Amino acid sequence: PCIVLDDEGVLDKRLKVGVINWEDIRRISLYDLQGAPYVCLELHNPEIYAARQPAWLKLASKTQRLVGMSSMSISTSGLDMDNKTLAGLIHEGCERASQRRSEVPL
């Protein structure tokens, strides 16, 4: 699979940044770019992930930001689920991670 959601976070192999940790996701939004649906992830520290991307993907990310998308945007074109379903699953993963953090004794 090109997208994996697990206990650690979100891995979209096409983004070339490795796993995006649940805790690093600040907000999830949906975007449609000329008929292509995306799930946009706004991150607390996007520069950490952007530094991992190859130059050609950094250029594509810059173009996406110019039209109002986040630098970490997951295309759902060609996937077996739509962007709303994927966004919901990512939201659930963020919620579970938040609950795990609040259960850790101090």
PDB file of N, CA and C in Angstrom:
ATOM      1  N   PRO A   1       0.831  -1.207   0.000  1.00  0.00           N
ATOM      2  CA  PRO A   1       0.000   0.000   0.000  1.00  0.00           C
ATOM      3  C   PRO A   1       0.867   1.259   0.000  1.00  0.00           C
ATOM      4  N   CYS A   2       0.380   2.308  -0.606  1.00  0.00           N
ATOM      5  CA  CYS A   2       1.170   3.545  -0.615  1.00  0.00           C
ATOM      6  C   CYS A   2       0.890   4.396   0.618  1.00  0.00           C
ATOM      7  N   ILE A   3      -0.244   4.161   1.303  1.00  0.00           N
ATOM      8  CA  ILE A   3      -0.553   4.887   2.531  1.00  0.00           C
ATOM      9  C   ILE A   3      -0.768   3.876   3.651  1.00  0.00           C
ATOM     10  N   VAL A   4      -0.083   4.104   4.769  1.00  0.00           N
ATOM     11  CA  VAL A   4      -0.202   3.229   5.928  1.00  0.00           C
ATOM     12  C   VAL A   4      -0.525   4.098   7.135  1.00  0.00           C
ATOM     13  N   LEU A   5      -1.567   3.702   7.881  1.00  0.00           N
ATOM     14  CA  LEU A   5      -1.917   4.351   9.137  1.00  0.00           C
ATOM     15  C   LEU A   5      -1.680   3.323  10.235  1.00  0.00           C
ATOM     16  N   ASP A   6      -0.831   3.662  11.208  1.00  0.00           N
ATOM     17  CA  ASP A   6      -0.566   2.727  12.299  1.00  0.00           C
ATOM     18  C   ASP A   6      -0.489   3.489  13.616  1.00  0.00           C
ATOM     19  N   ASP A   7      -0.018   2.839  14.670  1.00  0.00           N
ATOM     20  CA  ASP A   7       0.046   3.485  15.990  1.00  0.00           C
ATOM     21  C   ASP A   7       0.969   4.698  16.012  1.00  0.00           C
ATOM     22  N   GLU A   8       1.948   4.712  15.119  1.00  0.00           N
ATOM     23  CA  GLU A   8       2.924   5.802  15.086  1.00  0.00           C
ATOM     24  C   GLU A   8       2.414   7.033  14.348  1.00  0.00           C
ATOM     25  N   GLY A   9       1.724   6.810  13.217  1.00  0.00           N
ATOM     26  CA  GLY A   9       1.254   7.944  12.440  1.00  0.00           C
ATOM     27  C   GLY A   9       0.851   7.564  11.027  1.00  0.00           C
ATOM     28  N   VAL A  10       1.065   8.509  10.117  1.00  0.00           N
ATOM     29  CA  VAL A  10       0.661   8.375   8.716  1.00  0.00           C
ATOM     30  C   VAL A  10       1.912   8.252   7.847  1.00  0.00           C
ATOM     31  N   LEU A  11       1.919   7.256   7.001  1.00  0.00           N
ATOM     32  CA  LEU A  11       2.995   7.106   6.031  1.00  0.00           C
ATOM     33  C   LEU A  11       2.374   7.132   4.643  1.00  0.00           C
ATOM     34  N   ASP A  12       2.704   8.146   3.872  1.00  0.00           N
ATOM     35  CA  ASP A  12       2.355   8.178   2.451  1.00  0.00           C
ATOM     36  C   ASP A  12       3.683   8.101   1.721  1.00  0.00           C
ATOM     37  N   LYS A  13       3.965   6.968   1.125  1.00  0.00           N
ATOM     38  CA  LYS A  13       5.263   6.737   0.486  1.00  0.00           C
ATOM     39  C   LYS A  13       5.555   7.753  -0.606  1.00  0.00           C
ATOM     40  N   ARG A  14       4.513   8.343  -1.194  1.00  0.00           N
ATOM     41  CA  ARG A  14       4.700   9.315  -2.275  1.00  0.00           C
ATOM     42  C   ARG A  14       5.263  10.638  -1.766  1.00  0.00           C
ATOM     43  N   LEU A  15       5.067  10.957  -0.476  1.00  0.00           N
ATOM     44  CA  LEU A  15       5.569  12.219   0.081  1.00  0.00           C
ATOM     45  C   LEU A  15       7.067  12.187   0.381  1.00  0.00           C
ATOM     46  N   LYS A  16       7.615  10.989   0.528  1.00  0.00           N
ATOM     47  CA  LYS A  16       9.059  10.803   0.761  1.00  0.00           C
ATOM     48  C   LYS A  16       9.563  11.479   2.033  1.00  0.00           C
ATOM     49  N   VAL A  17       8.733  11.450   3.111  1.00  0.00           N
ATOM     50  CA  VAL A  17       9.157  12.065   4.378  1.00  0.00           C
ATOM     51  C   VAL A  17       9.165  11.062   5.520  1.00  0.00           C
ATOM     52  N   GLY A  18       8.817   9.819   5.240  1.00  0.00           N
ATOM     53  CA  GLY A  18       8.694   8.834   6.308  1.00  0.00           C
ATOM     54  C   GLY A  18       7.357   9.009   7.018  1.00  0.00           C
ATOM     55  N   VAL A  19       7.280   8.487   8.215  1.00  0.00           N
ATOM     56  CA  VAL A  19       6.038   8.542   8.984  1.00  0.00           C
ATOM     57  C   VAL A  19       5.834   9.948   9.543  1.00  0.00           C
ATOM     58  N   ILE A  20       4.639  10.469   9.349  1.00  0.00           N
ATOM     59  CA  ILE A  20       4.241  11.738   9.986  1.00  0.00           C
ATOM     60  C   ILE A  20       3.560  11.352  11.288  1.00  0.00           C
ATOM     61  N   ASN A  21       4.176  11.681  12.406  1.00  0.00           N
ATOM     62  CA  ASN A  21       3.665  11.293  13.715  1.00  0.00           C
ATOM     63  C   ASN A  21       2.334  11.970  14.006  1.00  0.00           C
ATOM     64  N   TRP A  22       1.435  11.203  14.642  1.00  0.00           N
ATOM     65  CA  TRP A  22       0.121  11.743  14.992  1.00  0.00           C
ATOM     66  C   TRP A  22       0.242  13.057  15.752  1.00  0.00           C
ATOM     67  N   GLU A  23       1.185  13.121  16.674  1.00  0.00           N
ATOM     68  CA  GLU A  23       1.352  14.305  17.514  1.00  0.00           C
ATOM     69  C   GLU A  23       1.772  15.546  16.726  1.00  0.00           C
ATOM     70  N   ASP A  24       2.324  15.337  15.540  1.00  0.00           N
ATOM     71  CA  ASP A  24       2.793  16.464  14.722  1.00  0.00           C
ATOM     72  C   ASP A  24       1.689  17.060  13.846  1.00  0.00           C
ATOM     73  N   ILE A  25       0.545  16.386  13.778  1.00  0.00           N
ATOM     74  CA  ILE A  25      -0.559  16.880  12.947  1.00  0.00           C
ATOM     75  C   ILE A  25      -1.384  17.879  13.752  1.00  0.00           C
ATOM     76  N   ARG A  26      -1.424  19.102  13.268  1.00  0.00           N
ATOM     77  CA  ARG A  26      -2.147  20.177  13.951  1.00  0.00           C
ATOM     78  C   ARG A  26      -3.587  20.280  13.470  1.00  0.00           C
ATOM     79  N   ARG A  27      -3.775  20.129  12.165  1.00  0.00           N
ATOM     80  CA  ARG A  27      -5.109  20.260  11.590  1.00  0.00           C
ATOM     81  C   ARG A  27      -5.182  19.468  10.289  1.00  0.00           C
ATOM     82  N   ILE A  28      -6.379  18.967   9.990  1.00  0.00           N
ATOM     83  CA  ILE A  28      -6.643  18.216   8.764  1.00  0.00           C
ATOM     84  C   ILE A  28      -7.692  18.990   7.980  1.00  0.00           C
ATOM     85  N   SER A  29      -7.455  19.150   6.689  1.00  0.00           N
ATOM     86  CA  SER A  29      -8.458  19.805   5.854  1.00  0.00           C
ATOM     87  C   SER A  29      -8.543  19.097   4.503  1.00  0.00           C
ATOM     88  N   LEU A  30      -9.658  19.317   3.824  1.00  0.00           N
ATOM     89  CA  LEU A  30      -9.859  18.732   2.501  1.00  0.00           C
ATOM     90  C   LEU A  30      -9.652  19.814   1.457  1.00  0.00           C
ATOM     91  N   TYR A  31      -9.122  19.415   0.316  1.00  0.00           N
ATOM     92  CA  TYR A  31      -8.869  20.372  -0.759  1.00  0.00           C
ATOM     93  C   TYR A  31      -9.127  19.667  -2.086  1.00  0.00           C
ATOM     94  N   ASP A  32      -9.612  20.428  -3.036  1.00  0.00           N
ATOM     95  CA  ASP A  32      -9.837  19.911  -4.383  1.00  0.00           C
ATOM     96  C   ASP A  32      -9.053  20.797  -5.343  1.00  0.00           C
ATOM     97  N   LEU A  33      -8.101  20.231  -6.036  1.00  0.00           N
ATOM     98  CA  LEU A  33      -7.279  20.979  -6.975  1.00  0.00           C
ATOM     99  C   LEU A  33      -7.578  20.480  -8.380  1.00  0.00           C
ATOM    100  N   GLN A  34      -8.345  21.254  -9.110  1.00  0.00           N
ATOM    101  CA  GLN A  34      -8.726  20.916 -10.483  1.00  0.00           C
ATOM    102  C   GLN A  34      -9.302  19.502 -10.588  1.00  0.00           C
ATOM    103  N   GLY A  35     -10.198  19.179  -9.660  1.00  0.00           N
ATOM    104  CA  GLY A  35     -10.854  17.880  -9.665  1.00  0.00           C
ATOM    105  C   GLY A  35     -10.108  16.774  -8.952  1.00  0.00           C
ATOM    106  N   ALA A  36      -8.903  17.044  -8.484  1.00  0.00           N
ATOM    107  CA  ALA A  36      -8.125  16.041  -7.755  1.00  0.00           C
ATOM    108  C   ALA A  36      -8.297  16.277  -6.255  1.00  0.00           C
ATOM    109  N   PRO A  37      -8.848  15.290  -5.523  1.00  0.00           N
ATOM    110  CA  PRO A  37      -9.078  15.458  -4.088  1.00  0.00           C
ATOM    111  C   PRO A  37      -7.816  15.202  -3.259  1.00  0.00           C
ATOM    112  N   TYR A  38      -7.656  16.005  -2.219  1.00  0.00           N
ATOM    113  CA  TYR A  38      -6.504  15.901  -1.321  1.00  0.00           C
ATOM    114  C   TYR A  38      -6.954  15.965   0.132  1.00  0.00           C
ATOM    115  N   VAL A  39      -6.167  15.343   1.000  1.00  0.00           N
ATOM    116  CA  VAL A  39      -6.257  15.544   2.440  1.00  0.00           C
ATOM    117  C   VAL A  39      -4.999  16.318   2.809  1.00  0.00           C
ATOM    118  N   CYS A  40      -5.179  17.523   3.319  1.00  0.00           N
ATOM    119  CA  CYS A  40      -4.049  18.383   3.668  1.00  0.00           C
ATOM    120  C   CYS A  40      -3.771  18.285   5.165  1.00  0.00           C
ATOM    121  N   LEU A  41      -2.519  18.060   5.495  1.00  0.00           N
ATOM    122  CA  LEU A  41      -2.099  17.961   6.886  1.00  0.00           C
ATOM    123  C   LEU A  41      -1.293  19.198   7.250  1.00  0.00           C
ATOM    124  N   GLU A  42      -1.828  19.991   8.151  1.00  0.00           N
ATOM    125  CA  GLU A  42      -1.062  21.116   8.676  1.00  0.00           C
ATOM    126  C   GLU A  42      -0.318  20.595   9.892  1.00  0.00           C
ATOM    127  N   LEU A  43       0.982  20.771   9.888  1.00  0.00           N
ATOM    128  CA  LEU A  43       1.840  20.197  10.921  1.00  0.00           C
ATOM    129  C   LEU A  43       2.358  21.260  11.879  1.00  0.00           C
ATOM    130  N   HIS A  44       2.658  20.838  13.099  1.00  0.00           N
ATOM    131  CA  HIS A  44       3.235  21.759  14.076  1.00  0.00           C
ATOM    132  C   HIS A  44       4.614  22.239  13.637  1.00  0.00           C
ATOM    133  N   ASN A  45       5.419  21.341  13.079  1.00  0.00           N
ATOM    134  CA  ASN A  45       6.775  21.668  12.626  1.00  0.00           C
ATOM    135  C   ASN A  45       6.990  21.156  11.203  1.00  0.00           C
ATOM    136  N   PRO A  46       6.360  21.800  10.220  1.00  0.00           N
ATOM    137  CA  PRO A  46       6.447  21.283   8.848  1.00  0.00           C
ATOM    138  C   PRO A  46       7.866  21.281   8.286  1.00  0.00           C
ATOM    139  N   GLU A  47       8.715  22.157   8.793  1.00  0.00           N
ATOM    140  CA  GLU A  47      10.080  22.233   8.261  1.00  0.00           C
ATOM    141  C   GLU A  47      10.870  20.951   8.517  1.00  0.00           C
ATOM    142  N   ILE A  48      10.551  20.240   9.586  1.00  0.00           N
ATOM    143  CA  ILE A  48      11.230  18.968   9.872  1.00  0.00           C
ATOM    144  C   ILE A  48      10.953  17.969   8.749  1.00  0.00           C
ATOM    145  N   TYR A  49       9.719  17.888   8.329  1.00  0.00           N
ATOM    146  CA  TYR A  49       9.336  16.947   7.275  1.00  0.00           C
ATOM    147  C   TYR A  49       9.784  17.444   5.903  1.00  0.00           C
ATOM    148  N   ALA A  50       9.671  18.728   5.666  1.00  0.00           N
ATOM    149  CA  ALA A  50      10.086  19.285   4.375  1.00  0.00           C
ATOM    150  C   ALA A  50      11.580  19.051   4.136  1.00  0.00           C
ATOM    151  N   ALA A  51      12.372  19.083   5.200  1.00  0.00           N
ATOM    152  CA  ALA A  51      13.811  18.875   5.063  1.00  0.00           C
ATOM    153  C   ALA A  51      14.139  17.466   4.566  1.00  0.00           C
ATOM    154  N   ARG A  52      13.232  16.529   4.756  1.00  0.00           N
ATOM    155  CA  ARG A  52      13.455  15.143   4.326  1.00  0.00           C
ATOM    156  C   ARG A  52      13.127  14.923   2.854  1.00  0.00           C
ATOM    157  N   GLN A  53      12.373  15.842   2.252  1.00  0.00           N
ATOM    158  CA  GLN A  53      11.913  15.641   0.879  1.00  0.00           C
ATOM    159  C   GLN A  53      13.007  15.916  -0.143  1.00  0.00           C
ATOM    160  N   PRO A  54      13.005  15.170  -1.242  1.00  0.00           N
ATOM    161  CA  PRO A  54      13.921  15.488  -2.335  1.00  0.00           C
ATOM    162  C   PRO A  54      13.524  16.831  -2.959  1.00  0.00           C
ATOM    163  N   ALA A  55      14.458  17.453  -3.636  1.00  0.00           N
ATOM    164  CA  ALA A  55      14.254  18.798  -4.190  1.00  0.00           C
ATOM    165  C   ALA A  55      13.040  18.883  -5.105  1.00  0.00           C
ATOM    166  N   TRP A  56      12.825  17.884  -5.941  1.00  0.00           N
ATOM    167  CA  TRP A  56      11.704  17.951  -6.882  1.00  0.00           C
ATOM    168  C   TRP A  56      10.361  17.943  -6.155  1.00  0.00           C
ATOM    169  N   LEU A  57      10.279  17.260  -5.004  1.00  0.00           N
ATOM    170  CA  LEU A  57       9.038  17.268  -4.238  1.00  0.00           C
ATOM    171  C   LEU A  57       8.870  18.572  -3.456  1.00  0.00           C
ATOM    172  N   LYS A  58       9.981  19.156  -3.042  1.00  0.00           N
ATOM    173  CA  LYS A  58       9.903  20.461  -2.369  1.00  0.00           C
ATOM    174  C   LYS A  58       9.308  21.500  -3.316  1.00  0.00           C
ATOM    175  N   LEU A  59       9.673  21.428  -4.580  1.00  0.00           N
ATOM    176  CA  LEU A  59       9.133  22.356  -5.575  1.00  0.00           C
ATOM    177  C   LEU A  59       7.628  22.140  -5.746  1.00  0.00           C
ATOM    178  N   ALA A  60       7.197  20.894  -5.817  1.00  0.00           N
ATOM    179  CA  ALA A  60       5.768  20.592  -5.927  1.00  0.00           C
ATOM    180  C   ALA A  60       5.022  21.078  -4.691  1.00  0.00           C
ATOM    181  N   SER A  61       5.609  20.904  -3.510  1.00  0.00           N
ATOM    182  CA  SER A  61       4.987  21.366  -2.266  1.00  0.00           C
ATOM    183  C   SER A  61       4.854  22.875  -2.247  1.00  0.00           C
ATOM    184  N   LYS A  62       5.856  23.553  -2.774  1.00  0.00           N
ATOM    185  CA  LYS A  62       5.812  25.020  -2.822  1.00  0.00           C
ATOM    186  C   LYS A  62       4.650  25.479  -3.716  1.00  0.00           C
ATOM    187  N   THR A  63       4.483  24.808  -4.831  1.00  0.00           N
ATOM    188  CA  THR A  63       3.377  25.115  -5.738  1.00  0.00           C
ATOM    189  C   THR A  63       2.039  24.890  -5.043  1.00  0.00           C
ATOM    190  N   GLN A  64       1.925  23.796  -4.291  1.00  0.00           N
ATOM    191  CA  GLN A  64       0.691  23.514  -3.560  1.00  0.00           C
ATOM    192  C   GLN A  64       0.397  24.610  -2.539  1.00  0.00           C
ATOM    193  N   ARG A  65       1.412  25.073  -1.846  1.00  0.00           N
ATOM    194  CA  ARG A  65       1.213  26.135  -0.845  1.00  0.00           C
ATOM    195  C   ARG A  65       0.733  27.425  -1.498  1.00  0.00           C
ATOM    196  N   LEU A  66       1.178  27.685  -2.724  1.00  0.00           N
ATOM    197  CA  LEU A  66       0.756  28.905  -3.424  1.00  0.00           C
ATOM    198  C   LEU A  66      -0.742  28.915  -3.721  1.00  0.00           C
ATOM    199  N   VAL A  67      -1.366  27.740  -3.826  1.00  0.00           N
ATOM    200  CA  VAL A  67      -2.806  27.681  -4.082  1.00  0.00           C
ATOM    201  C   VAL A  67      -3.609  27.420  -2.806  1.00  0.00           C
ATOM    202  N   GLY A  68      -2.953  27.481  -1.654  1.00  0.00           N
ATOM    203  CA  GLY A  68      -3.645  27.364  -0.380  1.00  0.00           C
ATOM    204  C   GLY A  68      -3.630  26.001   0.274  1.00  0.00           C
ATOM    205  N   MET A  69      -2.889  25.058  -0.284  1.00  0.00           N
ATOM    206  CA  MET A  69      -2.785  23.726   0.308  1.00  0.00           C
ATOM    207  C   MET A  69      -1.612  23.702   1.286  1.00  0.00           C
ATOM    208  N   SER A  70      -1.578  22.682   2.135  1.00  0.00           N
ATOM    209  CA  SER A  70      -0.431  22.535   3.030  1.00  0.00           C
ATOM    210  C   SER A  70       0.697  21.822   2.288  1.00  0.00           C
ATOM    211  N   SER A  71       1.894  21.902   2.830  1.00  0.00           N
ATOM    212  CA  SER A  71       3.043  21.277   2.179  1.00  0.00           C
ATOM    213  C   SER A  71       2.974  19.752   2.227  1.00  0.00           C
ATOM    214  N   MET A  72       2.215  19.210   3.169  1.00  0.00           N
ATOM    215  CA  MET A  72       2.024  17.760   3.267  1.00  0.00           C
ATOM    216  C   MET A  72       0.581  17.452   2.901  1.00  0.00           C
ATOM    217  N   SER A  73       0.338  17.288   1.614  1.00  0.00           N
ATOM    218  CA  SER A  73      -1.002  17.029   1.105  1.00  0.00           C
ATOM    219  C   SER A  73      -1.036  15.661   0.441  1.00  0.00           C
ATOM    220  N   ILE A  74      -1.990  14.857   0.856  1.00  0.00           N
ATOM    221  CA  ILE A  74      -2.106  13.483   0.374  1.00  0.00           C
ATOM    222  C   ILE A  74      -3.181  13.421  -0.702  1.00  0.00           C
ATOM    223  N   SER A  75      -2.790  13.054  -1.889  1.00  0.00           N
ATOM    224  CA  SER A  75      -3.740  12.884  -2.987  1.00  0.00           C
ATOM    225  C   SER A  75      -4.500  11.574  -2.793  1.00  0.00           C
ATOM    226  N   THR A  76      -5.818  11.649  -2.946  1.00  0.00           N
ATOM    227  CA  THR A  76      -6.604  10.418  -2.856  1.00  0.00           C
ATOM    228  C   THR A  76      -7.054   9.936  -4.234  1.00  0.00           C
ATOM    229  N   SER A  77      -6.585  10.596  -5.278  1.00  0.00           N
ATOM    230  CA  SER A  77      -6.874  10.116  -6.640  1.00  0.00           C
ATOM    231  C   SER A  77      -6.241   8.739  -6.811  1.00  0.00           C
ATOM    232  N   GLY A  78      -6.997   7.814  -7.299  1.00  0.00           N
ATOM    233  CA  GLY A  78      -6.474   6.475  -7.541  1.00  0.00           C
ATOM    234  C   GLY A  78      -6.454   5.571  -6.319  1.00  0.00           C
ATOM    235  N   LEU A  79      -6.884   6.067  -5.166  1.00  0.00           N
ATOM    236  CA  LEU A  79      -6.943   5.222  -3.967  1.00  0.00           C
ATOM    237  C   LEU A  79      -8.309   4.548  -3.894  1.00  0.00           C
ATOM    238  N   ASP A  80      -8.410   3.534  -3.064  1.00  0.00           N
ATOM    239  CA  ASP A  80      -9.693   2.849  -2.919  1.00  0.00           C
ATOM    240  C   ASP A  80     -10.569   3.478  -1.837  1.00  0.00           C
ATOM    241  N   MET A  81     -10.249   4.708  -1.423  1.00  0.00           N
ATOM    242  CA  MET A  81     -11.099   5.460  -0.501  1.00  0.00           C
ATOM    243  C   MET A  81     -11.041   6.932  -0.866  1.00  0.00           C
ATOM    244  N   ASP A  82     -12.103   7.642  -0.521  1.00  0.00           N
ATOM    245  CA  ASP A  82     -12.141   9.062  -0.857  1.00  0.00           C
ATOM    246  C   ASP A  82     -11.451   9.902   0.220  1.00  0.00           C
ATOM    247  N   ASN A  83     -11.307  11.194  -0.058  1.00  0.00           N
ATOM    248  CA  ASN A  83     -10.567  12.050   0.866  1.00  0.00           C
ATOM    249  C   ASN A  83     -11.289  12.223   2.196  1.00  0.00           C
ATOM    250  N   LYS A  84     -12.620  12.196   2.214  1.00  0.00           N
ATOM    251  CA  LYS A  84     -13.362  12.349   3.477  1.00  0.00           C
ATOM    252  C   LYS A  84     -13.138  11.148   4.386  1.00  0.00           C
ATOM    253  N   THR A  85     -13.136   9.958   3.807  1.00  0.00           N
ATOM    254  CA  THR A  85     -12.900   8.745   4.601  1.00  0.00           C
ATOM    255  C   THR A  85     -11.483   8.746   5.163  1.00  0.00           C
ATOM    256  N   LEU A  86     -10.497   9.076   4.323  1.00  0.00           N
ATOM    257  CA  LEU A  86      -9.113   9.114   4.781  1.00  0.00           C
ATOM    258  C   LEU A  86      -8.937  10.172   5.860  1.00  0.00           C
ATOM    259  N   ALA A  87      -9.525  11.337   5.676  1.00  0.00           N
ATOM    260  CA  ALA A  87      -9.428  12.397   6.687  1.00  0.00           C
ATOM    261  C   ALA A  87     -10.021  11.927   8.014  1.00  0.00           C
ATOM    262  N   GLY A  88     -11.135  11.208   7.959  1.00  0.00           N
ATOM    263  CA  GLY A  88     -11.748  10.685   9.174  1.00  0.00           C
ATOM    264  C   GLY A  88     -10.844   9.697   9.891  1.00  0.00           C
ATOM    265  N   LEU A  89     -10.190   8.817   9.139  1.00  0.00           N
ATOM    266  CA  LEU A  89      -9.268   7.854   9.744  1.00  0.00           C
ATOM    267  C   LEU A  89      -8.059   8.551  10.364  1.00  0.00           C
ATOM    268  N   ILE A  90      -7.561   9.574   9.703  1.00  0.00           N
ATOM    269  CA  ILE A  90      -6.427  10.326  10.247  1.00  0.00           C
ATOM    270  C   ILE A  90      -6.855  11.056  11.521  1.00  0.00           C
ATOM    271  N   HIS A  91      -8.045  11.632  11.493  1.00  0.00           N
ATOM    272  CA  HIS A  91      -8.559  12.303  12.693  1.00  0.00           C
ATOM    273  C   HIS A  91      -8.657  11.316  13.861  1.00  0.00           C
ATOM    274  N   GLU A  92      -9.174  10.114  13.595  1.00  0.00           N
ATOM    275  CA  GLU A  92      -9.272   9.093  14.638  1.00  0.00           C
ATOM    276  C   GLU A  92      -7.893   8.734  15.195  1.00  0.00           C
ATOM    277  N   GLY A  93      -6.899   8.616  14.328  1.00  0.00           N
ATOM    278  CA  GLY A  93      -5.540   8.317  14.778  1.00  0.00           C
ATOM    279  C   GLY A  93      -4.988   9.415  15.669  1.00  0.00           C
ATOM    280  N   CYS A  94      -5.252  10.662  15.316  1.00  0.00           N
ATOM    281  CA  CYS A  94      -4.803  11.793  16.135  1.00  0.00           C
ATOM    282  C   CYS A  94      -5.488  11.775  17.497  1.00  0.00           C
ATOM    283  N   GLU A  95      -6.775  11.461  17.509  1.00  0.00           N
ATOM    284  CA  GLU A  95      -7.529  11.384  18.772  1.00  0.00           C
ATOM    285  C   GLU A  95      -6.992  10.276  19.666  1.00  0.00           C
ATOM    286  N   ARG A  96      -6.734   9.100  19.101  1.00  0.00           N
ATOM    287  CA  ARG A  96      -6.189   7.993  19.900  1.00  0.00           C
ATOM    288  C   ARG A  96      -4.834   8.361  20.491  1.00  0.00           C
ATOM    289  N   ALA A  97      -3.985   9.011  19.693  1.00  0.00           N
ATOM    290  CA  ALA A  97      -2.662   9.417  20.177  1.00  0.00           C
ATOM    291  C   ALA A  97      -2.805  10.432  21.307  1.00  0.00           C
ATOM    292  N   SER A  98      -3.757  11.343  21.178  1.00  0.00           N
ATOM    293  CA  SER A  98      -3.996  12.346  22.212  1.00  0.00           C
ATOM    294  C   SER A  98      -4.466  11.682  23.502  1.00  0.00           C
ATOM    295  N   GLN A  99      -5.322  10.696  23.388  1.00  0.00           N
ATOM    296  CA  GLN A  99      -5.803   9.978  24.574  1.00  0.00           C
ATOM    297  C   GLN A  99      -4.674   9.207  25.243  1.00  0.00           C
ATOM    298  N   ARG A 100      -3.804   8.585  24.448  1.00  0.00           N
ATOM    299  CA  ARG A 100      -2.670   7.852  25.018  1.00  0.00           C
ATOM    300  C   ARG A 100      -1.757   8.793  25.786  1.00  0.00           C
ATOM    301  N   ARG A 101      -1.529   9.989  25.246  1.00  0.00           N
ATOM    302  CA  ARG A 101      -0.664  10.968  25.929  1.00  0.00           C
ATOM    303  C   ARG A 101      -1.274  11.396  27.259  1.00  0.00           C
ATOM    304  N   SER A 102      -2.592  11.574  27.285  1.00  0.00           N
ATOM    305  CA  SER A 102      -3.241  12.027  28.523  1.00  0.00           C
ATOM    306  C   SER A 102      -3.308  10.928  29.569  1.00  0.00           C
ATOM    307  N   GLU A 103      -3.152   9.667  29.162  1.00  0.00           N
ATOM    308  CA  GLU A 103      -3.181   8.548  30.105  1.00  0.00           C
ATOM    309  C   GLU A 103      -1.824   8.254  30.722  1.00  0.00           C
ATOM    310  N   VAL A 104      -0.775   8.854  30.225  1.00  0.00           N
ATOM    311  CA  VAL A 104       0.568   8.605  30.736  1.00  0.00           C
ATOM    312  C   VAL A 104       0.702   9.267  32.097  1.00  0.00           C
ATOM    313  N   PRO A 105       1.058   8.495  33.144  1.00  0.00           N
ATOM    314  CA  PRO A 105       1.217   9.097  34.477  1.00  0.00           C
ATOM    315  C   PRO A 105       2.410  10.039  34.532  1.00  0.00           C
ATOM    316  N   LEU A 106       2.258  11.073  35.289  1.00  0.00           N
ATOM    317  CA  LEU A 106       3.343  12.063  35.414  1.00  0.00           C
ATOM    318  C   LEU A 106       4.318  11.697  36.492  1.00  0.00           C
TER     319      LEU A 106
END
